[in-house]
Amino acid sequence: MATEDKWKANLAKVAFMKQFPGLLGSWEALKGKTIESVIPLKSRQGAVAIICSDGTFTVAPPMAAEPYELGETLTAGRSFLEVKHAHAYQEYDRLAKKDKDALRQARLEKIIGAIENNLEQIPELKERLKALVKEWP
């Protein structure tokens, strides 16, 4: 019985914590709030409690965003951030273009390599490529 009582007590505690007054349920709810304190949590490396001056709070995961998340953030937040970080956005745009161009070149080389490596094994490939090129405007 003690184990079951412990389990029920823990369930009740967790249910109460999830409904605790001031707990913010979304990141959007932080908009316009003033952060009063950021407290590191011992339970998870990099996690913090964010306490707002109006008594609301939330828990944030470690700041170890994946590159795709950072890229999306920089794109989504550009209208807010570029005003304050114009030079950084210029450099980001330069690097993003360089990455896009490198991806394009890598794809091109992969396609050309596949064609070259298969010409002998697939004799009709050459004729199919010629026909394809003739279809282009």
N, C-alpha and C. Protein backbone atom coordinates (compact mmCIF):
# COMPACT_ATOMS: atom_id res chain seq x y z
N MET A 1 0.81 -1.19 0.00
CA MET A 1 0.00 0.00 0.00
C MET A 1 0.86 1.26 0.00
N ALA A 2 1.99 1.24 0.68
CA ALA A 2 2.83 2.44 0.77
C ALA A 2 3.32 2.85 -0.62
N THR A 3 3.64 1.87 -1.46
CA THR A 3 4.12 2.18 -2.81
C THR A 3 3.00 2.82 -3.63
N GLU A 4 1.80 2.28 -3.52
CA GLU A 4 0.66 2.84 -4.25
C GLU A 4 0.33 4.24 -3.74
N ASP A 5 0.41 4.43 -2.43
CA ASP A 5 0.15 5.75 -1.85
C ASP A 5 1.18 6.77 -2.35
N LYS A 6 2.43 6.34 -2.44
CA LYS A 6 3.50 7.21 -2.92
C LYS A 6 3.23 7.59 -4.37
N TRP A 7 2.83 6.62 -5.18
CA TRP A 7 2.55 6.85 -6.59
C TRP A 7 1.40 7.85 -6.74
N LYS A 8 0.33 7.67 -5.96
CA LYS A 8 -0.83 8.58 -6.01
C LYS A 8 -0.45 9.98 -5.52
N ALA A 9 0.37 10.04 -4.50
CA ALA A 9 0.79 11.34 -3.98
C ALA A 9 1.63 12.08 -5.01
N ASN A 10 2.48 11.34 -5.71
CA ASN A 10 3.31 11.95 -6.74
C ASN A 10 2.44 12.44 -7.91
N LEU A 11 1.45 11.66 -8.31
CA LEU A 11 0.54 12.07 -9.38
C LEU A 11 -0.18 13.37 -9.02
N ALA A 12 -0.64 13.44 -7.78
CA ALA A 12 -1.36 14.64 -7.33
C ALA A 12 -0.43 15.85 -7.33
N LYS A 13 0.80 15.65 -6.88
CA LYS A 13 1.78 16.75 -6.84
C LYS A 13 2.09 17.24 -8.25
N VAL A 14 2.32 16.32 -9.18
CA VAL A 14 2.64 16.68 -10.56
C VAL A 14 1.46 17.40 -11.21
N ALA A 15 0.25 16.91 -10.99
CA ALA A 15 -0.94 17.57 -11.55
C ALA A 15 -1.05 19.00 -11.03
N PHE A 16 -0.78 19.20 -9.74
CA PHE A 16 -0.84 20.54 -9.17
C PHE A 16 0.25 21.44 -9.76
N MET A 17 1.47 20.91 -9.89
CA MET A 17 2.56 21.71 -10.45
C MET A 17 2.24 22.18 -11.86
N LYS A 18 1.62 21.32 -12.66
CA LYS A 18 1.30 21.67 -14.05
C LYS A 18 0.21 22.73 -14.14
N GLN A 19 -0.54 22.94 -13.05
CA GLN A 19 -1.60 23.96 -13.01
C GLN A 19 -1.22 25.12 -12.09
N PHE A 20 0.04 25.18 -11.68
CA PHE A 20 0.49 26.17 -10.71
C PHE A 20 0.22 27.59 -11.23
N PRO A 21 -0.31 28.46 -10.41
CA PRO A 21 -0.59 29.84 -10.85
C PRO A 21 0.67 30.53 -11.36
N GLY A 22 0.55 31.15 -12.54
CA GLY A 22 1.67 31.88 -13.12
C GLY A 22 2.49 31.08 -14.11
N LEU A 23 2.31 29.76 -14.16
CA LEU A 23 3.07 28.94 -15.10
C LEU A 23 2.61 29.25 -16.52
N LEU A 24 3.52 29.68 -17.35
CA LEU A 24 3.19 30.01 -18.73
C LEU A 24 3.17 28.74 -19.58
N GLY A 25 2.16 28.65 -20.42
CA GLY A 25 1.99 27.45 -21.22
C GLY A 25 2.58 27.53 -22.62
N SER A 26 3.07 28.70 -23.01
CA SER A 26 3.64 28.83 -24.35
C SER A 26 4.69 29.94 -24.34
N TRP A 27 5.54 29.88 -25.34
CA TRP A 27 6.55 30.94 -25.49
C TRP A 27 5.88 32.26 -25.83
N GLU A 28 4.78 32.21 -26.57
CA GLU A 28 4.07 33.44 -26.94
C GLU A 28 3.61 34.20 -25.70
N ALA A 29 3.32 33.48 -24.64
CA ALA A 29 2.85 34.11 -23.41
C ALA A 29 3.93 34.99 -22.76
N LEU A 30 5.18 34.82 -23.15
CA LEU A 30 6.28 35.65 -22.62
C LEU A 30 6.35 37.03 -23.26
N LYS A 31 5.67 37.20 -24.38
CA LYS A 31 5.75 38.46 -25.13
C LYS A 31 5.35 39.64 -24.24
N GLY A 32 6.21 40.64 -24.20
CA GLY A 32 5.95 41.85 -23.45
C GLY A 32 6.25 41.76 -21.96
N LYS A 33 6.62 40.61 -21.48
CA LYS A 33 6.91 40.45 -20.05
C LYS A 33 8.34 40.89 -19.75
N THR A 34 8.57 41.28 -18.52
CA THR A 34 9.90 41.66 -18.07
C THR A 34 10.48 40.50 -17.27
N ILE A 35 11.65 40.05 -17.69
CA ILE A 35 12.30 38.95 -16.97
C ILE A 35 12.99 39.52 -15.74
N GLU A 36 12.64 38.95 -14.60
CA GLU A 36 13.20 39.40 -13.33
C GLU A 36 14.42 38.57 -12.94
N SER A 37 14.35 37.27 -13.25
CA SER A 37 15.45 36.40 -12.84
C SER A 37 15.52 35.18 -13.76
N VAL A 38 16.75 34.72 -13.98
CA VAL A 38 16.99 33.48 -14.70
C VAL A 38 17.81 32.60 -13.75
N ILE A 39 17.21 31.49 -13.33
CA ILE A 39 17.82 30.66 -12.30
C ILE A 39 18.21 29.31 -12.90
N PRO A 40 19.50 28.98 -12.87
CA PRO A 40 19.93 27.67 -13.37
C PRO A 40 19.29 26.54 -12.56
N LEU A 41 18.88 25.48 -13.25
CA LEU A 41 18.29 24.32 -12.59
C LEU A 41 19.33 23.20 -12.51
N LYS A 42 19.40 22.58 -11.37
CA LYS A 42 20.37 21.51 -11.16
C LYS A 42 19.93 20.20 -11.82
N SER A 43 18.63 20.06 -12.06
CA SER A 43 18.09 18.80 -12.55
C SER A 43 18.45 18.50 -14.01
N ARG A 44 18.79 19.53 -14.79
CA ARG A 44 19.14 19.31 -16.19
C ARG A 44 20.17 20.35 -16.61
N GLN A 45 21.27 19.90 -17.13
CA GLN A 45 22.35 20.78 -17.56
C GLN A 45 21.83 21.83 -18.53
N GLY A 46 22.02 23.09 -18.22
CA GLY A 46 21.63 24.18 -19.10
C GLY A 46 20.20 24.64 -18.96
N ALA A 47 19.36 23.89 -18.27
CA ALA A 47 17.97 24.30 -18.09
C ALA A 47 17.89 25.43 -17.07
N VAL A 48 16.90 26.32 -17.28
CA VAL A 48 16.74 27.45 -16.38
C VAL A 48 15.26 27.70 -16.09
N ALA A 49 15.02 28.31 -14.94
CA ALA A 49 13.70 28.83 -14.61
C ALA A 49 13.74 30.31 -14.97
N ILE A 50 12.77 30.75 -15.75
CA ILE A 50 12.66 32.17 -16.12
C ILE A 50 11.52 32.75 -15.31
N ILE A 51 11.85 33.69 -14.43
CA ILE A 51 10.87 34.31 -13.54
C ILE A 51 10.60 35.73 -14.03
N CYS A 52 9.33 36.05 -14.24
CA CYS A 52 8.94 37.39 -14.72
C CYS A 52 8.49 38.25 -13.56
N SER A 53 8.57 39.56 -13.76
CA SER A 53 8.25 40.50 -12.68
C SER A 53 6.78 40.46 -12.27
N ASP A 54 5.91 39.95 -13.12
CA ASP A 54 4.49 39.88 -12.77
C ASP A 54 4.10 38.58 -12.08
N GLY A 55 5.10 37.75 -11.75
CA GLY A 55 4.82 36.49 -11.05
C GLY A 55 4.61 35.30 -11.96
N THR A 56 4.69 35.51 -13.27
CA THR A 56 4.62 34.38 -14.18
C THR A 56 6.01 33.78 -14.32
N PHE A 57 6.05 32.54 -14.79
CA PHE A 57 7.34 31.85 -14.92
C PHE A 57 7.21 30.72 -15.93
N THR A 58 8.36 30.25 -16.37
CA THR A 58 8.42 29.09 -17.25
C THR A 58 9.78 28.42 -17.08
N VAL A 59 9.91 27.26 -17.68
CA VAL A 59 11.16 26.52 -17.66
C VAL A 59 11.68 26.49 -19.09
N ALA A 60 12.95 26.79 -19.26
CA ALA A 60 13.54 26.79 -20.60
C ALA A 60 14.58 25.68 -20.70
N PRO A 61 14.58 25.03 -21.84
CA PRO A 61 15.59 23.99 -22.06
C PRO A 61 16.96 24.62 -22.30
N PRO A 62 17.99 23.81 -22.32
CA PRO A 62 19.33 24.33 -22.58
C PRO A 62 19.39 25.05 -23.92
N MET A 63 20.22 26.07 -23.99
CA MET A 63 20.38 26.81 -25.24
C MET A 63 21.41 26.10 -26.10
N ALA A 64 20.96 25.05 -26.74
CA ALA A 64 21.80 24.28 -27.65
C ALA A 64 20.99 23.99 -28.89
N ALA A 65 20.51 25.04 -29.52
CA ALA A 65 19.65 24.89 -30.69
C ALA A 65 20.39 24.22 -31.83
N GLU A 66 19.66 23.43 -32.57
CA GLU A 66 20.20 22.80 -33.77
C GLU A 66 20.34 23.87 -34.86
N PRO A 67 21.25 23.66 -35.81
CA PRO A 67 21.42 24.65 -36.87
C PRO A 67 20.13 24.98 -37.61
N TYR A 68 19.29 23.99 -37.88
CA TYR A 68 18.05 24.28 -38.60
C TYR A 68 17.13 25.16 -37.76
N GLU A 69 17.17 25.02 -36.43
CA GLU A 69 16.36 25.86 -35.55
C GLU A 69 16.90 27.29 -35.52
N LEU A 70 18.22 27.42 -35.50
CA LEU A 70 18.81 28.76 -35.52
C LEU A 70 18.53 29.47 -36.83
N GLY A 71 18.64 28.74 -37.94
CA GLY A 71 18.35 29.33 -39.25
C GLY A 71 16.91 29.80 -39.34
N GLU A 72 16.00 28.97 -38.88
CA GLU A 72 14.58 29.35 -38.90
C GLU A 72 14.34 30.55 -37.98
N THR A 73 15.02 30.58 -36.85
CA THR A 73 14.88 31.70 -35.91
C THR A 73 15.38 32.99 -36.54
N LEU A 74 16.53 32.92 -37.19
CA LEU A 74 17.08 34.12 -37.83
C LEU A 74 16.17 34.62 -38.95
N THR A 75 15.54 33.71 -39.66
CA THR A 75 14.61 34.10 -40.72
C THR A 75 13.32 34.67 -40.12
N ALA A 76 12.75 33.96 -39.17
CA ALA A 76 11.49 34.39 -38.57
C ALA A 76 11.64 35.70 -37.79
N GLY A 77 12.77 35.89 -37.15
CA GLY A 77 12.98 37.07 -36.32
C GLY A 77 13.69 38.22 -37.02
N ARG A 78 13.91 38.06 -38.32
CA ARG A 78 14.71 39.05 -39.04
C ARG A 78 14.16 40.47 -38.90
N SER A 79 12.85 40.64 -38.99
CA SER A 79 12.28 41.99 -38.93
C SER A 79 12.53 42.65 -37.57
N PHE A 80 12.74 41.86 -36.55
CA PHE A 80 13.01 42.40 -35.21
C PHE A 80 14.52 42.56 -34.97
N LEU A 81 15.29 41.59 -35.45
CA LEU A 81 16.71 41.52 -35.12
C LEU A 81 17.63 42.29 -36.06
N GLU A 82 17.26 42.38 -37.33
CA GLU A 82 18.17 42.98 -38.30
C GLU A 82 18.49 44.44 -37.99
N VAL A 83 17.54 45.14 -37.41
CA VAL A 83 17.76 46.54 -37.05
C VAL A 83 18.94 46.67 -36.09
N LYS A 84 19.07 45.71 -35.20
CA LYS A 84 20.13 45.77 -34.19
C LYS A 84 21.38 44.98 -34.59
N HIS A 85 21.25 44.12 -35.58
CA HIS A 85 22.38 43.26 -35.97
C HIS A 85 22.55 43.23 -37.48
N ALA A 86 22.54 44.39 -38.11
CA ALA A 86 22.60 44.48 -39.57
C ALA A 86 23.86 43.83 -40.14
N HIS A 87 25.00 44.08 -39.52
CA HIS A 87 26.26 43.51 -40.03
C HIS A 87 26.26 41.98 -39.90
N ALA A 88 25.70 41.48 -38.83
CA ALA A 88 25.63 40.03 -38.65
C ALA A 88 24.73 39.41 -39.71
N TYR A 89 23.62 40.08 -40.05
CA TYR A 89 22.74 39.57 -41.09
C TYR A 89 23.40 39.62 -42.46
N GLN A 90 24.22 40.64 -42.72
CA GLN A 90 24.96 40.69 -43.99
C GLN A 90 25.90 39.49 -44.09
N GLU A 91 26.59 39.21 -43.01
CA GLU A 91 27.51 38.06 -43.01
C GLU A 91 26.74 36.75 -43.10
N TYR A 92 25.62 36.66 -42.39
CA TYR A 92 24.79 35.45 -42.46
C TYR A 92 24.30 35.23 -43.90
N ASP A 93 23.83 36.30 -44.55
CA ASP A 93 23.36 36.19 -45.93
C ASP A 93 24.48 35.73 -46.85
N ARG A 94 25.68 36.26 -46.63
CA ARG A 94 26.84 35.86 -47.45
C ARG A 94 27.13 34.37 -47.27
N LEU A 95 27.15 33.93 -46.02
CA LEU A 95 27.44 32.53 -45.72
C LEU A 95 26.33 31.61 -46.21
N ALA A 96 25.07 32.05 -46.09
CA ALA A 96 23.94 31.25 -46.55
C ALA A 96 24.01 31.08 -48.07
N LYS A 97 24.37 32.15 -48.79
CA LYS A 97 24.50 32.07 -50.25
C LYS A 97 25.64 31.13 -50.63
N LYS A 98 26.74 31.24 -49.92
CA LYS A 98 27.89 30.37 -50.18
C LYS A 98 27.50 28.90 -49.96
N ASP A 99 26.75 28.63 -48.90
CA ASP A 99 26.28 27.28 -48.61
C ASP A 99 25.33 26.78 -49.71
N LYS A 100 24.41 27.64 -50.13
CA LYS A 100 23.45 27.28 -51.18
C LYS A 100 24.17 26.99 -52.49
N ASP A 101 25.15 27.83 -52.83
CA ASP A 101 25.92 27.63 -54.06
C ASP A 101 26.74 26.34 -53.99
N ALA A 102 27.31 26.06 -52.83
CA ALA A 102 28.09 24.83 -52.66
C ALA A 102 27.19 23.61 -52.78
N LEU A 103 25.99 23.68 -52.24
CA LEU A 103 25.03 22.58 -52.35
C LEU A 103 24.67 22.35 -53.82
N ARG A 104 24.43 23.43 -54.55
CA ARG A 104 24.09 23.34 -55.97
C ARG A 104 25.24 22.69 -56.75
N GLN A 105 26.47 23.13 -56.48
CA GLN A 105 27.63 22.57 -57.16
C GLN A 105 27.82 21.09 -56.82
N ALA A 106 27.62 20.74 -55.56
CA ALA A 106 27.77 19.35 -55.14
C ALA A 106 26.74 18.46 -55.83
N ARG A 107 25.50 18.96 -55.94
CA ARG A 107 24.46 18.19 -56.64
C ARG A 107 24.83 18.01 -58.11
N LEU A 108 25.31 19.09 -58.73
CA LEU A 108 25.71 19.02 -60.13
C LEU A 108 26.81 17.97 -60.33
N GLU A 109 27.83 18.02 -59.49
CA GLU A 109 28.93 17.05 -59.59
C GLU A 109 28.44 15.63 -59.37
N LYS A 110 27.51 15.45 -58.46
CA LYS A 110 26.97 14.12 -58.19
C LYS A 110 26.21 13.58 -59.41
N ILE A 111 25.41 14.45 -60.03
CA ILE A 111 24.65 14.04 -61.21
C ILE A 111 25.58 13.71 -62.37
N ILE A 112 26.56 14.60 -62.62
CA ILE A 112 27.52 14.36 -63.71
C ILE A 112 28.30 13.08 -63.44
N GLY A 113 28.72 12.88 -62.20
CA GLY A 113 29.45 11.67 -61.85
C GLY A 113 28.61 10.42 -62.07
N ALA A 114 27.33 10.49 -61.72
CA ALA A 114 26.45 9.33 -61.92
C ALA A 114 26.30 9.03 -63.41
N ILE A 115 26.18 10.07 -64.21
CA ILE A 115 26.07 9.86 -65.66
C ILE A 115 27.34 9.22 -66.20
N GLU A 116 28.49 9.82 -65.85
CA GLU A 116 29.77 9.30 -66.34
C GLU A 116 30.01 7.87 -65.89
N ASN A 117 29.65 7.55 -64.68
CA ASN A 117 29.89 6.20 -64.14
C ASN A 117 28.94 5.16 -64.72
N ASN A 118 27.86 5.60 -65.35
CA ASN A 118 26.87 4.64 -65.85
C ASN A 118 26.79 4.57 -67.37
N LEU A 119 27.54 5.40 -68.08
CA LEU A 119 27.49 5.39 -69.54
C LEU A 119 27.83 4.03 -70.14
N GLU A 120 28.84 3.38 -69.62
CA GLU A 120 29.25 2.08 -70.16
C GLU A 120 28.24 0.99 -69.82
N GLN A 121 27.71 1.01 -68.60
CA GLN A 121 26.78 -0.05 -68.16
C GLN A 121 25.38 0.12 -68.76
N ILE A 122 25.03 1.35 -69.14
CA ILE A 122 23.70 1.62 -69.69
C ILE A 122 23.89 2.33 -71.02
N PRO A 123 24.06 1.57 -72.09
CA PRO A 123 24.35 2.18 -73.40
C PRO A 123 23.27 3.17 -73.87
N GLU A 124 22.03 2.92 -73.56
CA GLU A 124 20.96 3.81 -74.02
C GLU A 124 20.91 5.13 -73.25
N LEU A 125 21.69 5.25 -72.19
CA LEU A 125 21.70 6.48 -71.38
C LEU A 125 22.13 7.69 -72.22
N LYS A 126 23.15 7.51 -73.04
CA LYS A 126 23.65 8.62 -73.86
C LYS A 126 22.56 9.14 -74.80
N GLU A 127 21.85 8.23 -75.45
CA GLU A 127 20.78 8.64 -76.37
C GLU A 127 19.63 9.31 -75.62
N ARG A 128 19.30 8.78 -74.44
CA ARG A 128 18.23 9.37 -73.64
C ARG A 128 18.60 10.79 -73.20
N LEU A 129 19.86 10.99 -72.85
CA LEU A 129 20.31 12.33 -72.46
C LEU A 129 20.25 13.30 -73.64
N LYS A 130 20.66 12.83 -74.81
CA LYS A 130 20.59 13.68 -76.01
C LYS A 130 19.14 14.08 -76.28
N ALA A 131 18.24 13.13 -76.19
CA ALA A 131 16.82 13.42 -76.42
C ALA A 131 16.29 14.41 -75.39
N LEU A 132 16.72 14.23 -74.15
CA LEU A 132 16.27 15.13 -73.07
C LEU A 132 16.75 16.56 -73.34
N VAL A 133 17.98 16.71 -73.76
CA VAL A 133 18.54 18.03 -74.02
C VAL A 133 17.80 18.69 -75.18
N LYS A 134 17.42 17.92 -76.20
CA LYS A 134 16.67 18.48 -77.33
C LYS A 134 15.30 18.99 -76.91
N GLU A 135 14.73 18.45 -75.85
CA GLU A 135 13.39 18.87 -75.37
C GLU A 135 13.44 20.22 -74.66
N TRP A 136 14.62 20.62 -74.18
CA TRP A 136 14.75 21.86 -73.43
C TRP A 136 14.57 23.06 -74.33
N PRO A 137 13.95 24.13 -73.82
CA PRO A 137 13.78 25.35 -74.64
C PRO A 137 15.09 26.08 -74.87
